[in-house]
């Protein structure tokens, strides 16, 4: 075989050898369990309070009265956001409820 053609077989062998030397792909990591969803109802003679918790954190509080006053929703403060005003969440009145 001429001296110029000796490296030619290496061109075919080296890519095949590197493909064999690669480690096997790892199986996918197990998925985290779905967060627990809780709907808590507090009720007395005049008001009904529905609380939604996801993963142990309160996401919304829905307050409805049995009087003529409209209900409202309270959105708790996100624990990751620093707010120096107070520990109260923001309130939203339901103007058009359908």
N, C-alpha and C. Protein backbone atom coordinates (compact mmCIF):
# COMPACT_ATOMS: atom_id res chain seq x y z
N UNK A 1 0.85 -1.17 0.00
CA UNK A 1 0.00 0.00 0.00
C UNK A 1 0.89 1.23 0.00
N UNK A 2 0.61 2.23 -0.84
CA UNK A 2 1.45 3.42 -0.88
C UNK A 2 1.38 4.16 0.45
N UNK A 3 2.39 4.93 0.73
CA UNK A 3 2.50 5.66 2.00
C UNK A 3 1.40 6.71 2.15
N UNK A 4 0.92 7.24 1.04
CA UNK A 4 -0.11 8.27 1.10
C UNK A 4 -1.46 7.69 1.52
N UNK A 5 -1.72 6.42 1.25
CA UNK A 5 -3.02 5.82 1.53
C UNK A 5 -3.09 5.13 2.90
N UNK A 6 -1.97 5.04 3.62
CA UNK A 6 -1.99 4.38 4.93
C UNK A 6 -2.90 5.10 5.93
N UNK A 7 -2.96 6.40 6.03
CA UNK A 7 -3.86 7.06 6.99
C UNK A 7 -5.34 6.92 6.62
N UNK A 8 -5.63 6.54 5.38
CA UNK A 8 -7.02 6.46 4.93
C UNK A 8 -7.86 5.48 5.75
N UNK A 9 -7.41 4.27 6.07
CA UNK A 9 -8.24 3.38 6.91
C UNK A 9 -8.50 3.96 8.30
N UNK A 10 -7.58 4.77 8.80
CA UNK A 10 -7.80 5.38 10.11
C UNK A 10 -9.00 6.34 10.09
N UNK A 11 -9.26 6.94 8.94
CA UNK A 11 -10.41 7.84 8.85
C UNK A 11 -11.72 7.11 9.09
N UNK A 12 -11.77 5.84 8.78
CA UNK A 12 -13.00 5.06 9.00
C UNK A 12 -13.04 4.42 10.38
N UNK A 13 -11.89 4.08 10.92
CA UNK A 13 -11.82 3.38 12.20
C UNK A 13 -12.00 4.33 13.37
N UNK A 14 -11.41 5.50 13.33
CA UNK A 14 -11.46 6.43 14.47
C UNK A 14 -12.88 6.90 14.79
N UNK A 15 -13.71 7.29 13.82
CA UNK A 15 -15.08 7.67 14.20
C UNK A 15 -15.87 6.51 14.79
N UNK A 16 -15.67 5.31 14.29
CA UNK A 16 -16.38 4.15 14.84
C UNK A 16 -15.92 3.87 16.26
N UNK A 17 -14.63 4.01 16.53
CA UNK A 17 -14.10 3.77 17.88
C UNK A 17 -14.61 4.82 18.86
N UNK A 18 -14.70 6.05 18.43
CA UNK A 18 -15.18 7.09 19.34
C UNK A 18 -16.67 6.91 19.64
N UNK A 19 -17.42 6.39 18.70
CA UNK A 19 -18.84 6.14 18.94
C UNK A 19 -19.03 5.03 19.95
N UNK A 20 -18.17 4.03 19.93
CA UNK A 20 -18.26 2.92 20.87
C UNK A 20 -17.84 3.37 22.26
N UNK A 21 -16.91 4.31 22.36
CA UNK A 21 -16.37 4.73 23.65
C UNK A 21 -17.31 5.66 24.41
N UNK A 22 -18.36 6.18 23.80
CA UNK A 22 -19.26 7.09 24.48
C UNK A 22 -20.10 6.33 25.51
N UNK A 23 -20.30 6.93 26.69
CA UNK A 23 -21.10 6.26 27.72
C UNK A 23 -22.57 6.22 27.30
N UNK A 24 -23.27 5.25 27.85
CA UNK A 24 -24.69 5.11 27.54
C UNK A 24 -25.46 6.30 28.12
N UNK A 25 -26.53 6.66 27.48
CA UNK A 25 -27.34 7.78 27.95
C UNK A 25 -27.99 7.42 29.29
N UNK A 26 -28.01 8.40 30.20
CA UNK A 26 -28.61 8.16 31.51
C UNK A 26 -30.13 8.17 31.40
N UNK A 27 -30.78 7.35 32.19
CA UNK A 27 -32.25 7.39 32.16
C UNK A 27 -32.73 8.74 32.70
N UNK A 28 -33.90 9.20 32.29
CA UNK A 28 -34.38 10.49 32.77
C UNK A 28 -34.60 10.46 34.28
N UNK A 29 -34.35 11.60 34.89
CA UNK A 29 -34.51 11.71 36.34
C UNK A 29 -35.99 11.56 36.69
N UNK A 30 -36.28 10.98 37.85
CA UNK A 30 -37.69 10.84 38.24
C UNK A 30 -38.32 12.21 38.44
N UNK A 31 -39.56 12.34 38.00
CA UNK A 31 -40.26 13.62 38.11
C UNK A 31 -40.73 13.84 39.54
N UNK A 32 -40.75 15.09 39.91
CA UNK A 32 -41.23 15.44 41.25
C UNK A 32 -42.73 15.18 41.32
N UNK A 33 -43.23 14.79 42.47
CA UNK A 33 -44.67 14.54 42.57
C UNK A 33 -45.45 15.85 42.40
N UNK A 34 -46.67 15.72 41.93
CA UNK A 34 -47.52 16.89 41.75
C UNK A 34 -47.81 17.52 43.12
N UNK A 35 -47.83 18.86 43.19
CA UNK A 35 -48.13 19.49 44.49
C UNK A 35 -49.56 19.21 44.92
N UNK A 36 -49.74 19.11 46.21
CA UNK A 36 -51.06 18.81 46.77
C UNK A 36 -51.96 20.05 46.66
N UNK A 37 -53.16 19.87 46.15
CA UNK A 37 -54.13 20.95 45.99
C UNK A 37 -55.20 20.78 47.07
N UNK A 38 -55.40 21.84 47.86
CA UNK A 38 -56.40 21.81 48.93
C UNK A 38 -57.39 22.95 48.72
N UNK A 39 -58.65 22.66 48.86
CA UNK A 39 -59.71 23.68 48.85
C UNK A 39 -60.35 23.65 50.23
N UNK A 40 -60.16 24.72 50.98
CA UNK A 40 -60.64 24.78 52.36
C UNK A 40 -61.83 25.74 52.42
N UNK A 41 -62.89 25.33 53.07
CA UNK A 41 -64.11 26.12 53.16
C UNK A 41 -64.38 26.47 54.62
N UNK A 42 -64.50 27.77 54.90
CA UNK A 42 -64.89 28.28 56.22
C UNK A 42 -66.22 28.99 56.02
N UNK A 43 -67.21 28.64 56.82
CA UNK A 43 -68.53 29.21 56.61
C UNK A 43 -69.19 29.48 57.96
N UNK A 44 -69.84 30.65 58.05
CA UNK A 44 -70.66 30.93 59.22
C UNK A 44 -71.99 31.50 58.72
N UNK A 45 -72.74 32.13 59.59
CA UNK A 45 -74.06 32.60 59.22
C UNK A 45 -74.07 33.73 58.19
N UNK A 46 -72.97 34.48 58.08
CA UNK A 46 -72.97 35.66 57.21
C UNK A 46 -71.97 35.60 56.06
N UNK A 47 -70.92 34.83 56.20
CA UNK A 47 -69.89 34.81 55.16
C UNK A 47 -69.48 33.39 54.81
N UNK A 48 -68.91 33.29 53.62
CA UNK A 48 -68.36 32.03 53.14
C UNK A 48 -66.96 32.34 52.60
N UNK A 49 -65.95 31.68 53.14
CA UNK A 49 -64.56 31.92 52.75
C UNK A 49 -64.00 30.63 52.16
N UNK A 50 -63.57 30.71 50.90
CA UNK A 50 -62.96 29.57 50.23
C UNK A 50 -61.48 29.87 50.03
N UNK A 51 -60.64 28.97 50.50
CA UNK A 51 -59.19 29.15 50.41
C UNK A 51 -58.62 28.08 49.50
N UNK A 52 -57.74 28.48 48.59
CA UNK A 52 -57.07 27.55 47.68
C UNK A 52 -55.59 27.50 48.05
N UNK A 53 -55.13 26.29 48.39
CA UNK A 53 -53.71 26.08 48.71
C UNK A 53 -53.13 25.08 47.72
N UNK A 54 -51.97 25.40 47.20
CA UNK A 54 -51.25 24.50 46.30
C UNK A 54 -49.86 24.30 46.87
N UNK A 55 -49.54 23.05 47.16
CA UNK A 55 -48.24 22.75 47.75
C UNK A 55 -48.05 23.37 49.12
N UNK A 56 -49.13 23.56 49.87
CA UNK A 56 -49.03 24.13 51.21
C UNK A 56 -49.04 25.64 51.26
N UNK A 57 -49.02 26.32 50.11
CA UNK A 57 -49.03 27.78 50.07
C UNK A 57 -50.39 28.28 49.62
N UNK A 58 -50.91 29.27 50.33
CA UNK A 58 -52.21 29.84 49.97
C UNK A 58 -52.06 30.64 48.69
N UNK A 59 -52.89 30.33 47.70
CA UNK A 59 -52.84 31.02 46.40
C UNK A 59 -53.94 32.06 46.28
N UNK A 60 -55.13 31.78 46.80
CA UNK A 60 -56.20 32.78 46.74
C UNK A 60 -57.20 32.51 47.85
N UNK A 61 -57.89 33.58 48.24
CA UNK A 61 -58.94 33.51 49.25
C UNK A 61 -60.15 34.22 48.66
N UNK A 62 -61.25 33.52 48.56
CA UNK A 62 -62.47 34.07 47.96
C UNK A 62 -63.49 34.26 49.08
N UNK A 63 -63.94 35.50 49.27
CA UNK A 63 -64.88 35.83 50.35
C UNK A 63 -66.21 36.23 49.72
N UNK A 64 -67.28 35.59 50.16
CA UNK A 64 -68.63 35.91 49.69
C UNK A 64 -69.52 36.13 50.90
N UNK A 65 -70.31 37.18 50.83
CA UNK A 65 -71.23 37.46 51.92
C UNK A 65 -72.64 37.06 51.52
N UNK A 66 -73.47 36.84 52.52
CA UNK A 66 -74.87 36.48 52.23
C UNK A 66 -75.74 37.73 52.16
N UNK A 67 -75.14 38.88 52.34
CA UNK A 67 -75.90 40.13 52.24
C UNK A 67 -75.83 40.64 50.80
N UNK A 68 -76.26 41.87 50.60
CA UNK A 68 -76.26 42.47 49.26
C UNK A 68 -74.86 42.90 48.82
N UNK A 69 -73.90 42.88 49.71
CA UNK A 69 -72.54 43.30 49.35
C UNK A 69 -71.91 42.27 48.41
N UNK A 70 -71.14 42.75 47.44
CA UNK A 70 -70.49 41.80 46.53
C UNK A 70 -69.31 41.10 47.23
N UNK A 71 -68.98 39.93 46.74
CA UNK A 71 -67.83 39.21 47.27
C UNK A 71 -66.54 39.80 46.74
N UNK A 72 -65.43 39.39 47.32
CA UNK A 72 -64.13 39.86 46.86
C UNK A 72 -63.12 38.73 46.99
N UNK A 73 -61.97 38.92 46.34
CA UNK A 73 -60.91 37.92 46.34
C UNK A 73 -59.65 38.54 46.92
N UNK A 74 -58.92 37.77 47.72
CA UNK A 74 -57.65 38.23 48.28
C UNK A 74 -56.55 37.39 47.67
N UNK A 75 -55.56 38.04 47.09
CA UNK A 75 -54.39 37.36 46.55
C UNK A 75 -53.25 37.54 47.55
N UNK A 76 -52.80 36.47 48.20
CA UNK A 76 -51.70 36.60 49.17
C UNK A 76 -50.42 37.07 48.49
N UNK A 77 -49.56 37.67 49.28
CA UNK A 77 -48.28 38.15 48.78
C UNK A 77 -47.41 36.95 48.43
N UNK A 78 -46.71 37.04 47.32
CA UNK A 78 -45.78 35.99 46.90
C UNK A 78 -44.63 35.95 47.89
N UNK A 79 -44.34 34.79 48.51
CA UNK A 79 -43.28 34.73 49.52
C UNK A 79 -41.90 35.06 48.96
N UNK A 80 -41.70 34.96 47.67
CA UNK A 80 -40.40 35.26 47.08
C UNK A 80 -40.18 36.74 46.83
N UNK A 81 -41.24 37.55 46.94
CA UNK A 81 -41.14 38.98 46.67
C UNK A 81 -41.10 39.73 47.99
N UNK A 82 -40.12 40.62 48.13
CA UNK A 82 -40.00 41.41 49.35
C UNK A 82 -40.89 42.64 49.25
N UNK A 83 -41.81 42.78 50.19
CA UNK A 83 -42.70 43.93 50.21
C UNK A 83 -42.71 44.46 51.64
N UNK A 84 -42.32 45.71 51.80
CA UNK A 84 -42.18 46.26 53.14
C UNK A 84 -43.44 46.94 53.63
N UNK A 85 -44.51 46.98 52.83
CA UNK A 85 -45.72 47.70 53.24
C UNK A 85 -46.42 46.99 54.39
N UNK A 86 -46.81 45.77 54.19
CA UNK A 86 -47.50 45.01 55.24
C UNK A 86 -47.54 43.55 54.84
N UNK A 87 -48.09 42.74 55.71
CA UNK A 87 -48.21 41.32 55.42
C UNK A 87 -49.52 40.96 54.75
N UNK A 88 -50.33 41.97 54.42
CA UNK A 88 -51.64 41.70 53.82
C UNK A 88 -51.51 41.53 52.32
N UNK A 89 -52.38 40.71 51.76
CA UNK A 89 -52.41 40.52 50.32
C UNK A 89 -53.25 41.61 49.66
N UNK A 90 -53.31 41.58 48.35
CA UNK A 90 -54.10 42.57 47.62
C UNK A 90 -55.54 42.07 47.47
N UNK A 91 -56.49 43.00 47.59
CA UNK A 91 -57.90 42.66 47.48
C UNK A 91 -58.41 43.08 46.11
N UNK A 92 -59.31 42.29 45.57
CA UNK A 92 -59.93 42.62 44.28
C UNK A 92 -61.43 42.43 44.41
N UNK A 93 -62.17 43.48 44.13
CA UNK A 93 -63.62 43.40 44.16
C UNK A 93 -64.11 42.81 42.86
N UNK A 94 -65.13 42.03 42.95
CA UNK A 94 -65.75 41.44 41.75
C UNK A 94 -66.87 42.37 41.30
N UNK A 95 -66.62 43.09 40.23
CA UNK A 95 -67.62 44.02 39.73
C UNK A 95 -68.58 43.29 38.80
N UNK A 96 -68.03 42.60 37.83
CA UNK A 96 -68.84 41.83 36.89
C UNK A 96 -68.56 40.36 37.13
N UNK A 97 -69.48 39.68 37.76
CA UNK A 97 -69.30 38.27 38.08
C UNK A 97 -70.30 37.46 37.28
N UNK A 98 -69.82 36.72 36.30
CA UNK A 98 -70.71 35.89 35.49
C UNK A 98 -70.09 34.58 35.17
